[in-house]
Structures are given as structure tokens and as C-alpha cells.
């Protein structure tokens, strides 16, 4: 099962950090991991710098940093548990860039953050910083939506198949590791979702081909059976290599649905009323911020639950430690 050793929690006074804080502390205790709380002071716009003459931009920044540090200290005081040592840091700069640089500098293996509210976009769950992190942060990113439920009742692991991409299998394993570990910790139902399609079906059903509908139906059934065997083997193989007892205990429910993943995953999540979706956002290594076409982005745009996103091994972030 997945173990974390260095967790980074983004704490912002504009967000309801308490939900994310509770999960971060519990995860740090269970994994005996270090936990760092960071607050971020954004750069002061040039026009504001020019308009204010009473203090210098540097002095303004120092004031903001001091206030942010005091708020982080107040958050720390709310944590009664003394099993873990929690460090606090105030970062100055573009939020997603400074968060990723912190990850790179300290080898963080998980970022936790409450979903941010985008002004004027009531129907958009994830804000700009959230999306940048899910695209570009090299470690898993857990964007938490405040919920009335103290524990996650249902978790979805969204997996995909690509016979021509060996990295995809490693990514699927990571997704199963994350979702299984959290389902065990949360006593949740675990649902593994896979969308499949019969490429070329419309053409085969065309009047210009020699195939009858019955013959095409049989072809589609064969594709579905093959995908079913692949999905079952994926979960069985993961269980055998990771923790068979855990998988047997959870009894993951498999959902094999015909259609496009960008529709199937969010629709299934809504129908199951899930609390968390675990999914990959980048399909290829070596290409910074490269999404799986538009699939992952379309899925994220339709989800209204918490999301844990992972990258494949070898992913290179476009953000670096250098300025």
C-alpha cells in the first residue's frame, strides 16, 4: 500500500482549511510522515506598487509575510495531537510555482489543498492554482472539497488502457495504490471505473460494409470481454503484488462502461455519489504539463467531488527551482 513520508498542506485563510488540515494530520500520523503547512503571499501588482508611496514594496511584502505567519501559527494551535511535528513556511510568489518549487526542494510526495473558489465561476469547482498543480506538480495532488461526511463513503479509481504505452500500466498501479490505501483508511467502498469503446464501430455498421448488425454486435461483445478480462487482471495482479488481503477485504466493485472516459467517469461519479475520484492527469513522461489529450481536463471540469491526481513515473514538471 502507498505510504507517504513528506506531506505538504497548502493553508490559505481564504479557504476552509480545517477539512484539509484534519485529513493531512491523520495521514501524517498514520504514515509517520513529516507535515509542512505553507501559506503563500502573492506578488504585489506593479500598478499597486506605483500607487502606494507611504511604504516600499518590500515593506508591504514583509507585512503580508508576518500576517500570514501569524495565521499559520494560529492554525497550528488548533492541533491538539502531539504525535507529529509540524513545520510552517511562508512562500512569496506565484502560488502554484512556489508550491511546486517547495515540492522539488524538499522531495514532498503529496500535496493537499482545499479547493479554491474562483470569483464569478460558481459552477467551476477547481480554481486556477488547483488546475496548474494538477497539470504540473510532480507528486500526487489532493484537492479537497469540504463535505458534510466526516469520512469518504465511496472512492472511484479511474483507470485506462493503452497497449502502446507501458507507462500507463505503472500509472494504473499508482492509481490503485492510492485509492486502495485511502479506502482502507476511510473504511470506504472502492469502485474501479474503466471506459471502453469499439473504435471503428460506426464505420463497420455503415451500409458500405459487408457486415451485418449481428456480426458487429459480436465484435463489440468480444472487445467488451477483452476489456473485462484486462480490468479483472489489472486488479488481481495489483492485489497479488501489493496486498492481497487488503484487496480481498475491500472487494473493489468493477465498472466497465462503453463510451468516452470524459463522459463516463464524471457520470459514474455522480451516479455513485462518490466523495473522491483518484485519476491520472498526465499520460506521458518527459513532457511537462502534458495532459491526456483533453480527456483529463474534461473530466475535471465536470467533477463536483474531491480529486486525487497522480502522474506517471518519470514525469518532468515544467517548473524548476531556478527563477
C-alpha atoms as a PDB file:
ATOM      1  CA  UNK A   1       0.000   0.000   0.000  1.00  0.00           C
ATOM      2  CA  UNK A   2       1.100   3.548  -0.663  1.00  0.00           C
ATOM      3  CA  UNK A   3       2.973   5.226   2.181  1.00  0.00           C
ATOM      4  CA  UNK A   4       3.727   8.930   2.373  1.00  0.00           C
ATOM      5  CA  UNK A   5       6.776  10.387   4.086  1.00  0.00           C
ATOM      6  CA  UNK A   6       6.677  14.127   3.375  1.00  0.00           C
ATOM      7  CA  UNK A   7       3.287  15.840   3.108  1.00  0.00           C
ATOM      8  CA  UNK A   8       2.746  19.458   2.093  1.00  0.00           C
ATOM      9  CA  UNK A   9      -0.503  21.172   3.120  1.00  0.00           C
ATOM     10  CA  UNK A  10      -1.426  24.457   1.456  1.00  0.00           C
ATOM     11  CA  UNK A  11      -3.143  26.540   4.128  1.00  0.00           C
ATOM     12  CA  UNK A  12      -4.854  29.722   2.946  1.00  0.00           C
ATOM     13  CA  UNK A  13      -7.034  31.956   5.095  1.00  0.00           C
ATOM     14  CA  UNK A  14      -9.419  32.373   2.145  1.00  0.00           C
ATOM     15  CA  UNK A  15     -10.233  28.679   2.192  1.00  0.00           C
ATOM     16  CA  UNK A  16     -11.839  26.416   4.757  1.00  0.00           C
ATOM     17  CA  UNK A  17      -8.545  24.764   5.658  1.00  0.00           C
ATOM     18  CA  UNK A  18      -9.940  22.753   8.583  1.00  0.00           C
ATOM     19  CA  UNK A  19     -11.159  19.845   6.419  1.00  0.00           C
ATOM     20  CA  UNK A  20      -7.838  19.541   4.628  1.00  0.00           C
ATOM     21  CA  UNK A  21      -5.943  20.013   7.897  1.00  0.00           C
ATOM     22  CA  UNK A  22      -7.782  17.151   9.600  1.00  0.00           C
ATOM     23  CA  UNK A  23      -7.004  14.781   6.731  1.00  0.00           C
ATOM     24  CA  UNK A  24      -3.385  15.902   6.472  1.00  0.00           C
ATOM     25  CA  UNK A  25      -2.768  15.417  10.196  1.00  0.00           C
ATOM     26  CA  UNK A  26      -4.446  11.992  10.222  1.00  0.00           C
ATOM     27  CA  UNK A  27      -2.464  10.907   7.163  1.00  0.00           C
ATOM     28  CA  UNK A  28       0.808  12.150   8.664  1.00  0.00           C
ATOM     29  CA  UNK A  29       0.150  10.248  11.898  1.00  0.00           C
ATOM     30  CA  UNK A  30      -0.839   7.021  10.127  1.00  0.00           C
ATOM     31  CA  UNK A  31       2.199   7.195   7.844  1.00  0.00           C
ATOM     32  CA  UNK A  32       4.606   8.630  10.451  1.00  0.00           C
ATOM     33  CA  UNK A  33       5.246  11.336   7.877  1.00  0.00           C
ATOM     34  CA  UNK A  34       6.504  14.874   8.231  1.00  0.00           C
ATOM     35  CA  UNK A  35       3.935  17.622   7.627  1.00  0.00           C
ATOM     36  CA  UNK A  36       4.609  21.135   6.400  1.00  0.00           C
ATOM     37  CA  UNK A  37       1.988  23.875   6.319  1.00  0.00           C
ATOM     38  CA  UNK A  38       2.641  26.596   3.789  1.00  0.00           C
ATOM     39  CA  UNK A  39       0.984  29.950   3.374  1.00  0.00           C
ATOM     40  CA  UNK A  40       1.530  31.973   0.229  1.00  0.00           C
ATOM     41  CA  UNK A  41       1.923  35.706  -0.265  1.00  0.00           C
ATOM     42  CA  UNK A  42       1.257  36.591  -3.881  1.00  0.00           C
ATOM     43  CA  UNK A  43       3.382  39.151  -5.659  1.00  0.00           C
ATOM     44  CA  UNK A  44       2.164  42.720  -5.332  1.00  0.00           C
ATOM     45  CA  UNK A  45       0.868  44.017  -8.707  1.00  0.00           C
ATOM     46  CA  UNK A  46       3.042  46.696 -10.320  1.00  0.00           C
ATOM     47  CA  UNK A  47       0.165  49.193 -10.506  1.00  0.00           C
ATOM     48  CA  UNK A  48      -0.432  48.840  -6.744  1.00  0.00           C
ATOM     49  CA  UNK A  49       3.261  49.336  -6.050  1.00  0.00           C
ATOM     50  CA  UNK A  50       3.164  52.570  -8.033  1.00  0.00           C
ATOM     51  CA  UNK A  51       0.010  53.811  -6.286  1.00  0.00           C
ATOM     52  CA  UNK A  52       1.355  53.368  -2.750  1.00  0.00           C
ATOM     53  CA  UNK A  53       4.060  55.777  -1.674  1.00  0.00           C
ATOM     54  CA  UNK A  54       3.874  55.556   2.125  1.00  0.00           C
ATOM     55  CA  UNK A  55       5.708  52.218   2.219  1.00  0.00           C
ATOM     56  CA  UNK A  56       8.013  50.407  -0.149  1.00  0.00           C
ATOM     57  CA  UNK A  57       7.031  47.169  -1.971  1.00  0.00           C
ATOM     58  CA  UNK A  58       9.496  45.327   0.238  1.00  0.00           C
ATOM     59  CA  UNK A  59       7.855  46.661   3.398  1.00  0.00           C
ATOM     60  CA  UNK A  60       4.413  45.695   2.086  1.00  0.00           C
ATOM     61  CA  UNK A  61       5.672  42.193   1.417  1.00  0.00           C
ATOM     62  CA  UNK A  62       7.188  41.939   4.908  1.00  0.00           C
ATOM     63  CA  UNK A  63       3.855  42.952   6.468  1.00  0.00           C
ATOM     64  CA  UNK A  64       1.979  40.329   4.424  1.00  0.00           C
ATOM     65  CA  UNK A  65       4.511  37.643   5.332  1.00  0.00           C
ATOM     66  CA  UNK A  66       4.250  38.464   9.041  1.00  0.00           C
ATOM     67  CA  UNK A  67       0.439  38.325   8.949  1.00  0.00           C
ATOM     68  CA  UNK A  68       0.498  35.029   7.040  1.00  0.00           C
ATOM     69  CA  UNK A  69       2.950  33.518   9.514  1.00  0.00           C
ATOM     70  CA  UNK A  70       0.725  34.549  12.427  1.00  0.00           C
ATOM     71  CA  UNK A  71      -2.259  32.865  10.765  1.00  0.00           C
ATOM     72  CA  UNK A  72      -0.262  29.670  10.262  1.00  0.00           C
ATOM     73  CA  UNK A  73       0.699  29.748  13.948  1.00  0.00           C
ATOM     74  CA  UNK A  74      -2.972  30.080  14.845  1.00  0.00           C
ATOM     75  CA  UNK A  75      -3.764  27.019  12.727  1.00  0.00           C
ATOM     76  CA  UNK A  76      -1.030  25.035  14.475  1.00  0.00           C
ATOM     77  CA  UNK A  77      -2.530  25.916  17.856  1.00  0.00           C
ATOM     78  CA  UNK A  78      -5.762  24.161  16.862  1.00  0.00           C
ATOM     79  CA  UNK A  79      -3.939  20.835  16.535  1.00  0.00           C
ATOM     80  CA  UNK A  80      -4.128  19.077  19.865  1.00  0.00           C
ATOM     81  CA  UNK A  81      -2.291  15.933  18.762  1.00  0.00           C
ATOM     82  CA  UNK A  82       1.411  15.971  19.591  1.00  0.00           C
ATOM     83  CA  UNK A  83       2.329  12.776  17.731  1.00  0.00           C
ATOM     84  CA  UNK A  84       3.791  14.709  14.816  1.00  0.00           C
ATOM     85  CA  UNK A  85       5.983  17.747  14.427  1.00  0.00           C
ATOM     86  CA  UNK A  86       4.559  20.290  12.024  1.00  0.00           C
ATOM     87  CA  UNK A  87       6.664  22.865  10.233  1.00  0.00           C
ATOM     88  CA  UNK A  88       5.300  26.109   8.803  1.00  0.00           C
ATOM     89  CA  UNK A  89       6.617  28.156   5.890  1.00  0.00           C
ATOM     90  CA  UNK A  90       5.523  31.331   4.151  1.00  0.00           C
ATOM     91  CA  UNK A  91       6.227  31.394   0.419  1.00  0.00           C
ATOM     92  CA  UNK A  92       6.315  34.544  -1.696  1.00  0.00           C
ATOM     93  CA  UNK A  93       5.442  34.478  -5.382  1.00  0.00           C
ATOM     94  CA  UNK A  94       3.043  32.899  -7.851  1.00  0.00           C
ATOM     95  CA  UNK A  95       1.175  30.298  -5.751  1.00  0.00           C
ATOM     96  CA  UNK A  96       1.412  27.214  -7.970  1.00  0.00           C
ATOM     97  CA  UNK A  97       5.046  27.919  -8.883  1.00  0.00           C
ATOM     98  CA  UNK A  98       6.147  28.350  -5.263  1.00  0.00           C
ATOM     99  CA  UNK A  99       4.237  25.235  -4.174  1.00  0.00           C
ATOM    100  CA  UNK A 100       5.906  23.128  -6.864  1.00  0.00           C
ATOM    101  CA  UNK A 101       9.327  24.567  -6.028  1.00  0.00           C
ATOM    102  CA  UNK A 102       8.735  23.608  -2.410  1.00  0.00           C
ATOM    103  CA  UNK A 103       7.881  20.081  -3.561  1.00  0.00           C
ATOM    104  CA  UNK A 104      11.045  19.878  -5.653  1.00  0.00           C
ATOM    105  CA  UNK A 105      13.316  21.325  -2.966  1.00  0.00           C
ATOM    106  CA  UNK A 106      12.058  19.034  -0.202  1.00  0.00           C
ATOM    107  CA  UNK A 107      11.059  15.865  -2.099  1.00  0.00           C
ATOM    108  CA  UNK A 108       7.434  16.118  -0.966  1.00  0.00           C
ATOM    109  CA  UNK A 109       5.395  13.096  -2.025  1.00  0.00           C
ATOM    110  CA  UNK A 110       1.892  14.540  -1.549  1.00  0.00           C
ATOM    111  CA  UNK A 111       0.303  17.991  -1.793  1.00  0.00           C
ATOM    112  CA  UNK A 112      -3.018  18.549  -0.027  1.00  0.00           C
ATOM    113  CA  UNK A 113      -5.088  21.637  -0.663  1.00  0.00           C
ATOM    114  CA  UNK A 114      -8.659  22.790  -0.187  1.00  0.00           C
ATOM    115  CA  UNK A 115     -10.417  23.631  -3.412  1.00  0.00           C
ATOM    116  CA  UNK A 116     -10.182  27.321  -4.157  1.00  0.00           C
ATOM    117  CA  UNK A 117     -13.179  29.475  -5.012  1.00  0.00           C
ATOM    118  CA  UNK A 118     -12.976  31.217  -8.355  1.00  0.00           C
ATOM    119  CA  UNK A 119     -14.748  34.554  -8.231  1.00  0.00           C
ATOM    120  CA  UNK A 120     -17.523  34.718 -10.798  1.00  0.00           C
ATOM    121  CA  UNK A 121     -17.359  30.997 -11.617  1.00  0.00           C
ATOM    122  CA  UNK A 122     -19.928  29.362  -9.354  1.00  0.00           C
ATOM    123  CA  UNK A 123     -20.160  26.241 -11.484  1.00  0.00           C
ATOM    124  CA  UNK A 124     -16.405  25.647 -11.717  1.00  0.00           C
ATOM    125  CA  UNK A 125     -15.088  23.556  -8.850  1.00  0.00           C
ATOM    126  CA  UNK A 126     -11.344  23.853  -9.361  1.00  0.00           C
ATOM    127  CA  UNK A 127      -9.583  27.202  -9.457  1.00  0.00           C
ATOM    128  CA  UNK A 128      -6.568  28.306 -11.454  1.00  0.00           C
ATOM    129  CA  UNK A 129      -3.988  27.254  -8.857  1.00  0.00           C
ATOM    130  CA  UNK A 130      -5.700  23.868  -8.463  1.00  0.00           C
ATOM    131  CA  UNK A 131      -5.555  23.202 -12.197  1.00  0.00           C
ATOM    132  CA  UNK A 132      -1.930  24.315 -12.509  1.00  0.00           C
ATOM    133  CA  UNK A 133      -0.935  21.949  -9.693  1.00  0.00           C
ATOM    134  CA  UNK A 134      -2.835  19.011 -11.159  1.00  0.00           C
ATOM    135  CA  UNK A 135      -1.136  19.609 -14.512  1.00  0.00           C
ATOM    136  CA  UNK A 136       2.393  20.416 -13.403  1.00  0.00           C
ATOM    137  CA  UNK A 137       3.170  19.255  -9.857  1.00  0.00           C
ATOM    138  CA  UNK A 138       5.422  16.151  -9.975  1.00  0.00           C
ATOM    139  CA  UNK A 139       3.891  14.473  -6.907  1.00  0.00           C
ATOM    140  CA  UNK A 140       0.246  13.486  -6.284  1.00  0.00           C
ATOM    141  CA  UNK A 141      -2.111  16.409  -5.654  1.00  0.00           C
ATOM    142  CA  UNK A 142      -5.180  16.001  -3.459  1.00  0.00           C
ATOM    143  CA  UNK A 143      -7.710  18.801  -3.923  1.00  0.00           C
ATOM    144  CA  UNK A 144     -10.271  18.535  -1.151  1.00  0.00           C
ATOM    145  CA  UNK A 145     -13.833  19.730  -1.360  1.00  0.00           C
ATOM    146  CA  UNK A 146     -15.471  20.437   2.023  1.00  0.00           C
ATOM    147  CA  UNK A 147     -18.128  17.808   2.665  1.00  0.00           C
ATOM    148  CA  UNK A 148     -20.719  17.038   5.305  1.00  0.00           C
ATOM    149  CA  UNK A 149     -19.370  13.498   5.634  1.00  0.00           C
ATOM    150  CA  UNK A 150     -16.522  13.042   8.133  1.00  0.00           C
ATOM    151  CA  UNK A 151     -15.237  10.073   6.125  1.00  0.00           C
ATOM    152  CA  UNK A 152     -15.289   9.221   2.449  1.00  0.00           C
ATOM    153  CA  UNK A 153     -18.053   6.726   1.800  1.00  0.00           C
ATOM    154  CA  UNK A 154     -17.168   5.866  -1.800  1.00  0.00           C
ATOM    155  CA  UNK A 155     -13.954   6.252  -3.740  1.00  0.00           C
ATOM    156  CA  UNK A 156     -13.554   5.852  -7.501  1.00  0.00           C
ATOM    157  CA  UNK A 157     -10.300   4.761  -9.123  1.00  0.00           C
ATOM    158  CA  UNK A 158     -10.399   5.718 -12.807  1.00  0.00           C
ATOM    159  CA  UNK A 159      -8.047   3.541 -14.886  1.00  0.00           C
ATOM    160  CA  UNK A 160      -7.252   3.498 -18.582  1.00  0.00           C
ATOM    161  CA  UNK A 161      -5.674   1.082 -21.053  1.00  0.00           C
ATOM    162  CA  UNK A 162      -3.153   1.850 -23.760  1.00  0.00           C
ATOM    163  CA  UNK A 163      -1.320  -1.225 -25.129  1.00  0.00           C
ATOM    164  CA  UNK A 164       1.211   1.053 -26.837  1.00  0.00           C
ATOM    165  CA  UNK A 165       2.140   2.915 -23.639  1.00  0.00           C
ATOM    166  CA  UNK A 166       3.871   0.804 -20.978  1.00  0.00           C
ATOM    167  CA  UNK A 167       3.896   3.789 -18.626  1.00  0.00           C
ATOM    168  CA  UNK A 168       0.109   3.648 -18.492  1.00  0.00           C
ATOM    169  CA  UNK A 169       0.273   0.335 -16.603  1.00  0.00           C
ATOM    170  CA  UNK A 170       2.525   1.934 -13.981  1.00  0.00           C
ATOM    171  CA  UNK A 171       0.141   4.856 -13.724  1.00  0.00           C
ATOM    172  CA  UNK A 172      -2.809   2.482 -13.231  1.00  0.00           C
ATOM    173  CA  UNK A 173      -0.889   0.775 -10.431  1.00  0.00           C
ATOM    174  CA  UNK A 174      -0.274   4.112  -8.738  1.00  0.00           C
ATOM    175  CA  UNK A 175      -3.973   4.951  -9.005  1.00  0.00           C
ATOM    176  CA  UNK A 176      -4.906   1.613  -7.430  1.00  0.00           C
ATOM    177  CA  UNK A 177      -2.294   2.072  -4.694  1.00  0.00           C
ATOM    178  CA  UNK A 178      -3.633   5.487  -3.738  1.00  0.00           C
ATOM    179  CA  UNK A 179      -7.303   4.553  -3.896  1.00  0.00           C
ATOM    180  CA  UNK A 180      -6.834   1.272  -2.012  1.00  0.00           C
ATOM    181  CA  UNK A 181      -4.835   2.890   0.790  1.00  0.00           C
ATOM    182  CA  UNK A 182      -7.399   5.649   1.245  1.00  0.00           C
ATOM    183  CA  UNK A 183     -10.353   3.252   1.043  1.00  0.00           C
ATOM    184  CA  UNK A 184      -8.812   1.162   3.834  1.00  0.00           C
ATOM    185  CA  UNK A 185      -8.098   4.246   5.964  1.00  0.00           C
ATOM    186  CA  UNK A 186     -11.569   5.685   5.379  1.00  0.00           C
ATOM    187  CA  UNK A 187     -13.496   2.375   5.509  1.00  0.00           C
ATOM    188  CA  UNK A 188     -14.837   3.286   2.087  1.00  0.00           C
ATOM    189  CA  UNK A 189     -16.345   1.395  -0.805  1.00  0.00           C
ATOM    190  CA  UNK A 190     -13.845   1.176  -3.659  1.00  0.00           C
ATOM    191  CA  UNK A 191     -15.098   1.382  -7.239  1.00  0.00           C
ATOM    192  CA  UNK A 192     -12.747   0.845 -10.190  1.00  0.00           C
ATOM    193  CA  UNK A 193     -14.055   2.542 -13.328  1.00  0.00           C
ATOM    194  CA  UNK A 194     -12.903   1.896 -16.881  1.00  0.00           C
ATOM    195  CA  UNK A 195     -14.456   3.357 -20.028  1.00  0.00           C
ATOM    196  CA  UNK A 196     -14.016   1.438 -23.261  1.00  0.00           C
ATOM    197  CA  UNK A 197     -15.001   1.988 -26.859  1.00  0.00           C
ATOM    198  CA  UNK A 198     -15.148  -0.082 -30.040  1.00  0.00           C
ATOM    199  CA  UNK A 199     -13.092   2.024 -32.410  1.00  0.00           C
ATOM    200  CA  UNK A 200     -14.469   1.906 -35.942  1.00  0.00           C
ATOM    201  CA  UNK A 201     -17.887   0.565 -34.933  1.00  0.00           C
ATOM    202  CA  UNK A 202     -19.779   3.296 -36.778  1.00  0.00           C
ATOM    203  CA  UNK A 203     -17.884   2.557 -39.972  1.00  0.00           C
ATOM    204  CA  UNK A 204     -18.484  -1.181 -39.643  1.00  0.00           C
ATOM    205  CA  UNK A 205     -22.216  -0.549 -39.292  1.00  0.00           C
ATOM    206  CA  UNK A 206     -22.211   1.600 -42.404  1.00  0.00           C
ATOM    207  CA  UNK A 207     -24.257   0.482 -45.405  1.00  0.00           C
ATOM    208  CA  UNK A 208     -20.981   0.451 -47.341  1.00  0.00           C
ATOM    209  CA  UNK A 209     -19.616  -2.588 -45.434  1.00  0.00           C
ATOM    210  CA  UNK A 210     -20.489  -6.262 -45.764  1.00  0.00           C
ATOM    211  CA  UNK A 211     -21.019  -6.782 -42.005  1.00  0.00           C
ATOM    212  CA  UNK A 212     -24.472  -7.325 -40.543  1.00  0.00           C
ATOM    213  CA  UNK A 213     -25.512  -5.658 -37.267  1.00  0.00           C
ATOM    214  CA  UNK A 214     -25.369  -9.064 -35.594  1.00  0.00           C
ATOM    215  CA  UNK A 215     -21.769  -9.533 -36.713  1.00  0.00           C
ATOM    216  CA  UNK A 216     -20.775  -6.089 -35.476  1.00  0.00           C
ATOM    217  CA  UNK A 217     -22.596  -6.742 -32.187  1.00  0.00           C
ATOM    218  CA  UNK A 218     -20.500  -9.883 -31.763  1.00  0.00           C
ATOM    219  CA  UNK A 219     -17.303  -7.927 -32.453  1.00  0.00           C
ATOM    220  CA  UNK A 220     -18.312  -5.350 -29.853  1.00  0.00           C
ATOM    221  CA  UNK A 221     -19.034  -8.112 -27.318  1.00  0.00           C
ATOM    222  CA  UNK A 222     -15.572  -9.544 -27.944  1.00  0.00           C
ATOM    223  CA  UNK A 223     -13.985  -6.143 -27.326  1.00  0.00           C
ATOM    224  CA  UNK A 224     -16.012  -5.758 -24.130  1.00  0.00           C
ATOM    225  CA  UNK A 225     -14.986  -9.240 -22.940  1.00  0.00           C
ATOM    226  CA  UNK A 226     -11.338  -8.496 -23.644  1.00  0.00           C
ATOM    227  CA  UNK A 227     -11.521  -5.246 -21.682  1.00  0.00           C
ATOM    228  CA  UNK A 228     -13.324  -7.021 -18.849  1.00  0.00           C
ATOM    229  CA  UNK A 229     -10.542  -9.614 -18.632  1.00  0.00           C
ATOM    230  CA  UNK A 230      -7.953  -6.838 -18.715  1.00  0.00           C
ATOM    231  CA  UNK A 231      -9.669  -4.923 -15.886  1.00  0.00           C
ATOM    232  CA  UNK A 232     -10.057  -8.025 -13.720  1.00  0.00           C
ATOM    233  CA  UNK A 233      -6.441  -8.993 -14.336  1.00  0.00           C
ATOM    234  CA  UNK A 234      -5.279  -5.466 -13.501  1.00  0.00           C
ATOM    235  CA  UNK A 235      -6.980  -5.559 -10.099  1.00  0.00           C
ATOM    236  CA  UNK A 236      -5.970  -9.188  -9.406  1.00  0.00           C
ATOM    237  CA  UNK A 237      -2.345  -8.556 -10.377  1.00  0.00           C
ATOM    238  CA  UNK A 238      -2.207  -5.434  -8.256  1.00  0.00           C
ATOM    239  CA  UNK A 239      -3.620  -7.352  -5.299  1.00  0.00           C
ATOM    240  CA  UNK A 240      -1.119 -10.170  -5.699  1.00  0.00           C
ATOM    241  CA  UNK A 241       1.853  -7.788  -5.846  1.00  0.00           C
ATOM    242  CA  UNK A 242       0.676  -5.266  -3.272  1.00  0.00           C
ATOM    243  CA  UNK A 243      -1.604  -6.538  -0.518  1.00  0.00           C
ATOM    244  CA  UNK A 244      -3.957  -9.346  -1.454  1.00  0.00           C
ATOM    245  CA  UNK A 245      -5.634  -9.316   1.959  1.00  0.00           C
ATOM    246  CA  UNK A 246      -6.460  -5.631   1.602  1.00  0.00           C
ATOM    247  CA  UNK A 247      -7.930  -6.085  -1.874  1.00  0.00           C
ATOM    248  CA  UNK A 248      -9.931  -9.115  -0.741  1.00  0.00           C
ATOM    249  CA  UNK A 249     -11.240  -7.121   2.211  1.00  0.00           C
ATOM    250  CA  UNK A 250     -12.286  -4.150   0.086  1.00  0.00           C
ATOM    251  CA  UNK A 251     -13.774  -6.265  -2.713  1.00  0.00           C
ATOM    252  CA  UNK A 252     -13.480  -3.474  -5.309  1.00  0.00           C
ATOM    253  CA  UNK A 253     -16.553  -3.091  -7.481  1.00  0.00           C
ATOM    254  CA  UNK A 254     -15.631  -3.012 -11.171  1.00  0.00           C
ATOM    255  CA  UNK A 255     -17.462  -0.739 -13.604  1.00  0.00           C
ATOM    256  CA  UNK A 256     -16.816  -1.406 -17.282  1.00  0.00           C
ATOM    257  CA  UNK A 257     -18.845   1.064 -19.316  1.00  0.00           C
ATOM    258  CA  UNK A 258     -18.916   1.643 -23.050  1.00  0.00           C
ATOM    259  CA  UNK A 259     -18.278   5.239 -24.045  1.00  0.00           C
ATOM    260  CA  UNK A 260     -15.843   8.117 -23.786  1.00  0.00           C
ATOM    261  CA  UNK A 261     -13.986   8.429 -20.470  1.00  0.00           C
ATOM    262  CA  UNK A 262     -14.612  12.180 -20.373  1.00  0.00           C
ATOM    263  CA  UNK A 263     -18.333  11.396 -20.036  1.00  0.00           C
ATOM    264  CA  UNK A 264     -18.255   8.014 -18.287  1.00  0.00           C
ATOM    265  CA  UNK A 265     -16.030   8.924 -15.320  1.00  0.00           C
ATOM    266  CA  UNK A 266     -17.936  12.051 -14.153  1.00  0.00           C
ATOM    267  CA  UNK A 267     -21.314  10.424 -14.863  1.00  0.00           C
ATOM    268  CA  UNK A 268     -20.396   7.326 -12.847  1.00  0.00           C
ATOM    269  CA  UNK A 269     -19.052   9.505 -10.029  1.00  0.00           C
ATOM    270  CA  UNK A 270     -22.362  11.384  -9.847  1.00  0.00           C
ATOM    271  CA  UNK A 271     -24.482   8.235 -10.039  1.00  0.00           C
ATOM    272  CA  UNK A 272     -22.493   6.585  -7.251  1.00  0.00           C
ATOM    273  CA  UNK A 273     -22.421   9.839  -5.244  1.00  0.00           C
ATOM    274  CA  UNK A 274     -18.702   9.384  -4.619  1.00  0.00           C
ATOM    275  CA  UNK A 275     -16.612  11.561  -2.338  1.00  0.00           C
ATOM    276  CA  UNK A 276     -13.263  11.155  -4.093  1.00  0.00           C
ATOM    277  CA  UNK A 277     -12.004  10.336  -7.590  1.00  0.00           C
ATOM    278  CA  UNK A 278      -8.421   9.103  -7.983  1.00  0.00           C
ATOM    279  CA  UNK A 279      -7.167   9.579 -11.532  1.00  0.00           C
ATOM    280  CA  UNK A 280      -4.136  10.298 -13.701  1.00  0.00           C
ATOM    281  CA  UNK A 281      -3.746  13.685 -15.324  1.00  0.00           C
ATOM    282  CA  UNK A 282      -0.645  13.186 -17.421  1.00  0.00           C
ATOM    283  CA  UNK A 283      -0.118  10.259 -19.736  1.00  0.00           C
ATOM    284  CA  UNK A 284       3.433  10.725 -20.965  1.00  0.00           C
ATOM    285  CA  UNK A 285       6.783  11.189 -19.286  1.00  0.00           C
ATOM    286  CA  UNK A 286       9.314  13.815 -20.264  1.00  0.00           C
ATOM    287  CA  UNK A 287       6.683  16.291 -21.466  1.00  0.00           C
ATOM    288  CA  UNK A 288       5.998  18.895 -18.823  1.00  0.00           C
ATOM    289  CA  UNK A 289       2.321  19.566 -18.126  1.00  0.00           C
ATOM    290  CA  UNK A 290       1.111  17.296 -20.934  1.00  0.00           C
ATOM    291  CA  UNK A 291      -2.498  16.205 -20.371  1.00  0.00           C
ATOM    292  CA  UNK A 292      -4.051  13.081 -21.841  1.00  0.00           C
ATOM    293  CA  UNK A 293      -5.365  14.995 -24.810  1.00  0.00           C
ATOM    294  CA  UNK A 294      -8.400  16.814 -23.428  1.00  0.00           C
ATOM    295  CA  UNK A 295      -9.735  13.794 -21.559  1.00  0.00           C
ATOM    296  CA  UNK A 296      -8.415  14.539 -18.069  1.00  0.00           C
ATOM    297  CA  UNK A 297      -9.229  18.215 -18.318  1.00  0.00           C
ATOM    298  CA  UNK A 298     -12.784  17.469 -19.475  1.00  0.00           C
ATOM    299  CA  UNK A 299     -13.256  15.009 -16.616  1.00  0.00           C
ATOM    300  CA  UNK A 300     -12.019  17.505 -14.023  1.00  0.00           C
ATOM    301  CA  UNK A 301     -14.313  20.209 -15.410  1.00  0.00           C
ATOM    302  CA  UNK A 302     -17.345  18.002 -14.707  1.00  0.00           C
ATOM    303  CA  UNK A 303     -16.491  16.580 -11.277  1.00  0.00           C
ATOM    304  CA  UNK A 304     -18.029  18.062  -8.153  1.00  0.00           C
ATOM    305  CA  UNK A 305     -16.187  15.945  -5.582  1.00  0.00           C
ATOM    306  CA  UNK A 306     -12.675  15.840  -4.160  1.00  0.00           C
ATOM    307  CA  UNK A 307      -9.935  14.652  -6.515  1.00  0.00           C
ATOM    308  CA  UNK A 308      -6.559  12.978  -6.038  1.00  0.00           C
ATOM    309  CA  UNK A 309      -4.471  13.236  -9.201  1.00  0.00           C
ATOM    310  CA  UNK A 310      -1.275  11.321  -9.927  1.00  0.00           C
ATOM    311  CA  UNK A 311       1.482  11.491 -12.542  1.00  0.00           C
ATOM    312  CA  UNK A 312       3.336   8.596 -14.176  1.00  0.00           C
ATOM    313  CA  UNK A 313       6.878   7.700 -13.078  1.00  0.00           C
ATOM    314  CA  UNK A 314       9.432   9.945 -14.724  1.00  0.00           C
ATOM    315  CA  UNK A 315       7.106  12.906 -15.175  1.00  0.00           C
ATOM    316  CA  UNK A 316       9.084  16.128 -15.576  1.00  0.00           C
ATOM    317  CA  UNK A 317       7.487  19.292 -14.234  1.00  0.00           C
ATOM    318  CA  UNK A 318       7.861  22.434 -16.367  1.00  0.00           C
ATOM    319  CA  UNK A 319       8.503  24.318 -13.116  1.00  0.00           C
ATOM    320  CA  UNK A 320      12.098  24.280 -11.900  1.00  0.00           C
ATOM    321  CA  UNK A 321      13.933  25.503  -8.815  1.00  0.00           C
ATOM    322  CA  UNK A 322      15.648  28.161 -10.867  1.00  0.00           C
ATOM    323  CA  UNK A 323      13.964  31.522 -11.319  1.00  0.00           C
END
